[in-house]
Amino acid sequence: MAENEYLRIGRSSAYRKTRALLKDLSSPTSNVAECVANDLSGLVHRNLRKHELLQVVIEAYPDKSKLRKVIEEHGDQSMARLVRDACSVVQSRDVGDVARYIFDQLSDGVLKNTLQLAREYHPDISPARCDQLYRDTKSSLDKVKPQIIDALKTSMCGEKPSRRVRFPKVDKAHTGTSLGNMSLVAKPASSRDVTQRR
């Protein structure tokens, strides 16, 4: 079976910033974690907006022959297979249940592969840094969970998802101090900003 595009931390161009930070042991684990979450969220949203709606996969379930044809013709076969597998596991075409299962699979796979790649880059990496990287990455992935699930549900319901919330970009030039004040959660508009937009 072909490797899932969304889990190819070590090779996909979508994760090149993540790889750059993983190679640099001076990068705070929180920076790496935010970059992983940003890269995954960006990849999901780009593909959902670019390719056919996931609704076609939902509608084909549970007919195996229809599913096979739909997946073969889908522009994002990795995600189409995830939808098929999710429907099979949850035994339902409920888009909420399917989307949550898909996110859990993506999150678990990305987290596992991020730690594995960190160990490949740095065979002598300390257990303490690995533990912190795990906690920070899990936390950052949890923060993008709502928008990824919403985007998946939207596509499965027959509409293109809106553009994702733009989070602060993370790169090697950022320091731990400068990024320490950044958050994956968009800040609410101030009363002054609202007044200016009126």
Foldseek 3Di string as FASTA:
>chain_A
DDDQQLLPCPDDPLNPQLLQQLLDPQAALLLSLLSLQQSSLQVLQVLLQVWAFLLQLLVCPPPPVSLVVCLVPTPRNSVSVLLNVQCVVVVDSPLLSSLVSSLVVSLVSNLVSSLVSSCVSPVPDDPVRSVVSSVSNSVSSVLCSVVSSVQNSQSSVPHHDDDDDDFDDRHPVDHCVVCVPGDRDDDDDDPVVVVVVD
